[in-house]
Amino acid sequence: MDAIRTLLKRHARLHYSAEYLPDHASLFEAGLDSFAIVNLMLAIEDDFGVELPDSMLSRETFASVASLRNAVAHLRAAA
């Protein structure tokens, strides 16, 4: 399981197992809420050594496994 899915499993409290969600499935439909987003954001920042700027704290960034993976890749490339 990739790192994003591991963080989702630990911090997002989804209705479905993160390991079986398709990359582009809606995390919001799977149960992601604002409290889980904060926990997930902090975990991403800690585990990947990045800081999500305010511009990335959006519904689009947290929409799916793929969008989270892209956001982290973008931040790591810019570092």
N, C-alpha and C. Protein backbone atom coordinates (compact mmCIF):
# COMPACT_ATOMS: atom_id res chain seq x y z
N MET A 1 0.86 -1.18 0.00
CA MET A 1 0.00 0.00 0.00
C MET A 1 0.90 1.23 0.00
N ASP A 2 0.55 2.23 -0.80
CA ASP A 2 1.40 3.41 -0.85
C ASP A 2 1.21 4.29 0.38
N ALA A 3 2.09 5.26 0.53
CA ALA A 3 2.12 6.11 1.74
C ALA A 3 0.84 6.92 1.93
N ILE A 4 0.26 7.42 0.85
CA ILE A 4 -0.97 8.21 0.96
C ILE A 4 -2.10 7.32 1.50
N ARG A 5 -2.22 6.13 0.98
CA ARG A 5 -3.26 5.22 1.44
C ARG A 5 -3.04 4.83 2.91
N THR A 6 -1.80 4.67 3.31
CA THR A 6 -1.49 4.37 4.71
C THR A 6 -1.94 5.51 5.62
N LEU A 7 -1.66 6.74 5.21
CA LEU A 7 -2.09 7.90 6.00
C LEU A 7 -3.61 8.01 6.04
N LEU A 8 -4.26 7.74 4.94
CA LEU A 8 -5.72 7.75 4.92
C LEU A 8 -6.28 6.72 5.89
N LYS A 9 -5.68 5.55 5.87
CA LYS A 9 -6.14 4.48 6.75
C LYS A 9 -5.98 4.87 8.22
N ARG A 10 -4.87 5.53 8.55
CA ARG A 10 -4.59 5.91 9.93
C ARG A 10 -5.37 7.13 10.41
N HIS A 11 -5.61 8.09 9.54
CA HIS A 11 -6.10 9.39 9.98
C HIS A 11 -7.45 9.84 9.45
N ALA A 12 -7.96 9.21 8.41
CA ALA A 12 -9.16 9.74 7.76
C ALA A 12 -10.46 9.13 8.25
N ARG A 13 -10.42 7.99 8.87
CA ARG A 13 -11.64 7.32 9.35
C ARG A 13 -12.71 7.22 8.26
N LEU A 14 -12.32 6.67 7.13
CA LEU A 14 -13.23 6.54 5.99
C LEU A 14 -14.20 5.38 6.22
N HIS A 15 -15.31 5.41 5.49
CA HIS A 15 -16.30 4.34 5.55
C HIS A 15 -15.81 3.08 4.83
N TYR A 16 -14.82 3.24 3.96
CA TYR A 16 -14.28 2.15 3.16
C TYR A 16 -12.78 2.07 3.38
N SER A 17 -12.21 0.91 3.21
CA SER A 17 -10.77 0.74 3.38
C SER A 17 -10.03 1.51 2.29
N ALA A 18 -9.08 2.32 2.69
CA ALA A 18 -8.32 3.14 1.75
C ALA A 18 -7.55 2.29 0.74
N GLU A 19 -7.15 1.10 1.15
CA GLU A 19 -6.36 0.27 0.25
C GLU A 19 -7.16 -0.23 -0.95
N TYR A 20 -8.48 -0.21 -0.87
CA TYR A 20 -9.32 -0.71 -1.96
C TYR A 20 -10.01 0.40 -2.75
N LEU A 21 -9.87 1.64 -2.33
CA LEU A 21 -10.48 2.74 -3.07
C LEU A 21 -9.74 2.98 -4.38
N PRO A 22 -10.44 3.14 -5.48
CA PRO A 22 -9.78 3.52 -6.72
C PRO A 22 -9.10 4.89 -6.56
N ASP A 23 -8.03 5.11 -7.29
CA ASP A 23 -7.25 6.35 -7.17
C ASP A 23 -8.09 7.61 -7.31
N HIS A 24 -9.10 7.57 -8.17
CA HIS A 24 -9.89 8.77 -8.44
C HIS A 24 -11.26 8.77 -7.75
N ALA A 25 -11.49 7.83 -6.86
CA ALA A 25 -12.75 7.80 -6.11
C ALA A 25 -12.81 8.99 -5.15
N SER A 26 -13.98 9.52 -4.95
CA SER A 26 -14.18 10.67 -4.06
C SER A 26 -13.94 10.27 -2.61
N LEU A 27 -12.97 10.92 -1.98
CA LEU A 27 -12.74 10.68 -0.56
C LEU A 27 -13.87 11.24 0.28
N PHE A 28 -14.53 12.27 -0.21
CA PHE A 28 -15.66 12.85 0.52
C PHE A 28 -16.85 11.89 0.53
N GLU A 29 -17.08 11.22 -0.59
CA GLU A 29 -18.14 10.21 -0.63
C GLU A 29 -17.78 9.00 0.24
N ALA A 30 -16.47 8.79 0.44
CA ALA A 30 -16.01 7.68 1.28
C ALA A 30 -16.01 8.05 2.76
N GLY A 31 -16.37 9.30 3.09
CA GLY A 31 -16.51 9.69 4.48
C GLY A 31 -15.53 10.72 5.00
N LEU A 32 -14.66 11.25 4.15
CA LEU A 32 -13.70 12.27 4.60
C LEU A 32 -14.45 13.52 5.05
N ASP A 33 -14.14 14.01 6.25
CA ASP A 33 -14.77 15.22 6.76
C ASP A 33 -13.70 16.23 7.16
N SER A 34 -14.13 17.40 7.61
CA SER A 34 -13.18 18.48 7.89
C SER A 34 -12.21 18.13 9.02
N PHE A 35 -12.67 17.41 10.03
CA PHE A 35 -11.79 16.99 11.12
C PHE A 35 -10.71 16.04 10.59
N ALA A 36 -11.11 15.11 9.75
CA ALA A 36 -10.16 14.16 9.17
C ALA A 36 -9.18 14.86 8.25
N ILE A 37 -9.63 15.90 7.54
CA ILE A 37 -8.73 16.65 6.66
C ILE A 37 -7.61 17.28 7.46
N VAL A 38 -7.93 17.86 8.60
CA VAL A 38 -6.90 18.48 9.44
C VAL A 38 -5.89 17.43 9.90
N ASN A 39 -6.39 16.29 10.39
CA ASN A 39 -5.49 15.21 10.82
C ASN A 39 -4.63 14.71 9.66
N LEU A 40 -5.24 14.55 8.52
CA LEU A 40 -4.53 14.08 7.34
C LEU A 40 -3.49 15.09 6.88
N MET A 41 -3.85 16.37 6.88
CA MET A 41 -2.91 17.41 6.49
C MET A 41 -1.67 17.39 7.39
N LEU A 42 -1.88 17.31 8.69
CA LEU A 42 -0.76 17.28 9.63
C LEU A 42 0.11 16.04 9.42
N ALA A 43 -0.52 14.91 9.16
CA ALA A 43 0.23 13.68 8.92
C ALA A 43 1.04 13.76 7.62
N ILE A 44 0.45 14.33 6.58
CA ILE A 44 1.17 14.49 5.31
C ILE A 44 2.37 15.39 5.51
N GLU A 45 2.17 16.51 6.19
CA GLU A 45 3.28 17.43 6.42
C GLU A 45 4.39 16.76 7.21
N ASP A 46 4.03 16.01 8.22
CA ASP A 46 5.02 15.34 9.06
C ASP A 46 5.73 14.21 8.32
N ASP A 47 4.98 13.35 7.68
CA ASP A 47 5.57 12.18 7.02
C ASP A 47 6.39 12.53 5.78
N PHE A 48 5.97 13.54 5.04
CA PHE A 48 6.66 13.88 3.80
C PHE A 48 7.59 15.09 3.94
N GLY A 49 7.60 15.72 5.09
CA GLY A 49 8.48 16.87 5.29
C GLY A 49 8.14 18.05 4.40
N VAL A 50 6.85 18.26 4.17
CA VAL A 50 6.38 19.38 3.35
C VAL A 50 5.41 20.22 4.16
N GLU A 51 5.09 21.38 3.65
CA GLU A 51 4.06 22.21 4.26
C GLU A 51 3.05 22.55 3.19
N LEU A 52 1.80 22.19 3.45
CA LEU A 52 0.76 22.52 2.49
C LEU A 52 0.42 24.00 2.62
N PRO A 53 0.63 24.77 1.56
CA PRO A 53 0.28 26.19 1.61
C PRO A 53 -1.24 26.36 1.62
N ASP A 54 -1.68 27.52 2.05
CA ASP A 54 -3.12 27.81 2.11
C ASP A 54 -3.81 27.54 0.78
N SER A 55 -3.11 27.81 -0.31
CA SER A 55 -3.71 27.62 -1.64
C SER A 55 -4.03 26.15 -1.93
N MET A 56 -3.40 25.23 -1.21
CA MET A 56 -3.65 23.80 -1.43
C MET A 56 -4.64 23.24 -0.41
N LEU A 57 -5.08 24.04 0.51
CA LEU A 57 -6.06 23.58 1.50
C LEU A 57 -7.45 23.74 0.91
N SER A 58 -7.72 22.91 -0.08
CA SER A 58 -8.97 23.01 -0.82
C SER A 58 -9.61 21.64 -1.00
N ARG A 59 -10.84 21.67 -1.36
CA ARG A 59 -11.59 20.43 -1.62
C ARG A 59 -10.95 19.65 -2.76
N GLU A 60 -10.40 20.34 -3.73
CA GLU A 60 -9.78 19.69 -4.87
C GLU A 60 -8.54 18.89 -4.46
N THR A 61 -7.73 19.44 -3.57
CA THR A 61 -6.52 18.75 -3.12
C THR A 61 -6.86 17.45 -2.41
N PHE A 62 -7.92 17.46 -1.61
CA PHE A 62 -8.28 16.31 -0.79
C PHE A 62 -9.39 15.46 -1.44
N ALA A 63 -9.61 15.64 -2.72
CA ALA A 63 -10.71 14.97 -3.41
C ALA A 63 -10.52 13.47 -3.57
N SER A 64 -9.28 13.02 -3.77
CA SER A 64 -9.04 11.62 -4.07
C SER A 64 -7.61 11.24 -3.69
N VAL A 65 -7.33 9.97 -3.75
CA VAL A 65 -5.96 9.50 -3.52
C VAL A 65 -5.04 10.12 -4.57
N ALA A 66 -5.49 10.14 -5.81
CA ALA A 66 -4.68 10.70 -6.89
C ALA A 66 -4.39 12.18 -6.68
N SER A 67 -5.36 12.95 -6.25
CA SER A 67 -5.13 14.39 -6.06
C SER A 67 -4.18 14.63 -4.89
N LEU A 68 -4.27 13.84 -3.85
CA LEU A 68 -3.33 13.96 -2.73
C LEU A 68 -1.92 13.57 -3.16
N ARG A 69 -1.83 12.49 -3.91
CA ARG A 69 -0.52 12.04 -4.40
C ARG A 69 0.11 13.13 -5.28
N ASN A 70 -0.69 13.75 -6.15
CA ASN A 70 -0.19 14.81 -7.03
C ASN A 70 0.26 16.02 -6.22
N ALA A 71 -0.49 16.38 -5.20
CA ALA A 71 -0.14 17.53 -4.36
C ALA A 71 1.19 17.30 -3.65
N VAL A 72 1.36 16.13 -3.09
CA VAL A 72 2.62 15.82 -2.40
C VAL A 72 3.78 15.80 -3.39
N ALA A 73 3.58 15.21 -4.54
CA ALA A 73 4.64 15.18 -5.56
C ALA A 73 5.04 16.58 -5.98
N HIS A 74 4.05 17.45 -6.15
CA HIS A 74 4.31 18.84 -6.53
C HIS A 74 5.13 19.55 -5.45
N LEU A 75 4.75 19.38 -4.20
CA LEU A 75 5.46 20.04 -3.10
C LEU A 75 6.87 19.50 -2.94
N ARG A 76 7.05 18.22 -3.11
CA ARG A 76 8.38 17.64 -2.97
C ARG A 76 9.29 18.07 -4.11
N ALA A 77 8.73 18.20 -5.30
CA ALA A 77 9.52 18.64 -6.45
C ALA A 77 9.95 20.09 -6.31
N ALA A 78 9.10 20.90 -5.67
CA ALA A 78 9.40 22.33 -5.51
C ALA A 78 10.40 22.58 -4.38
N ALA A 79 10.61 21.59 -3.53
CA ALA A 79 11.51 21.77 -2.38
C ALA A 79 12.97 21.72 -2.76
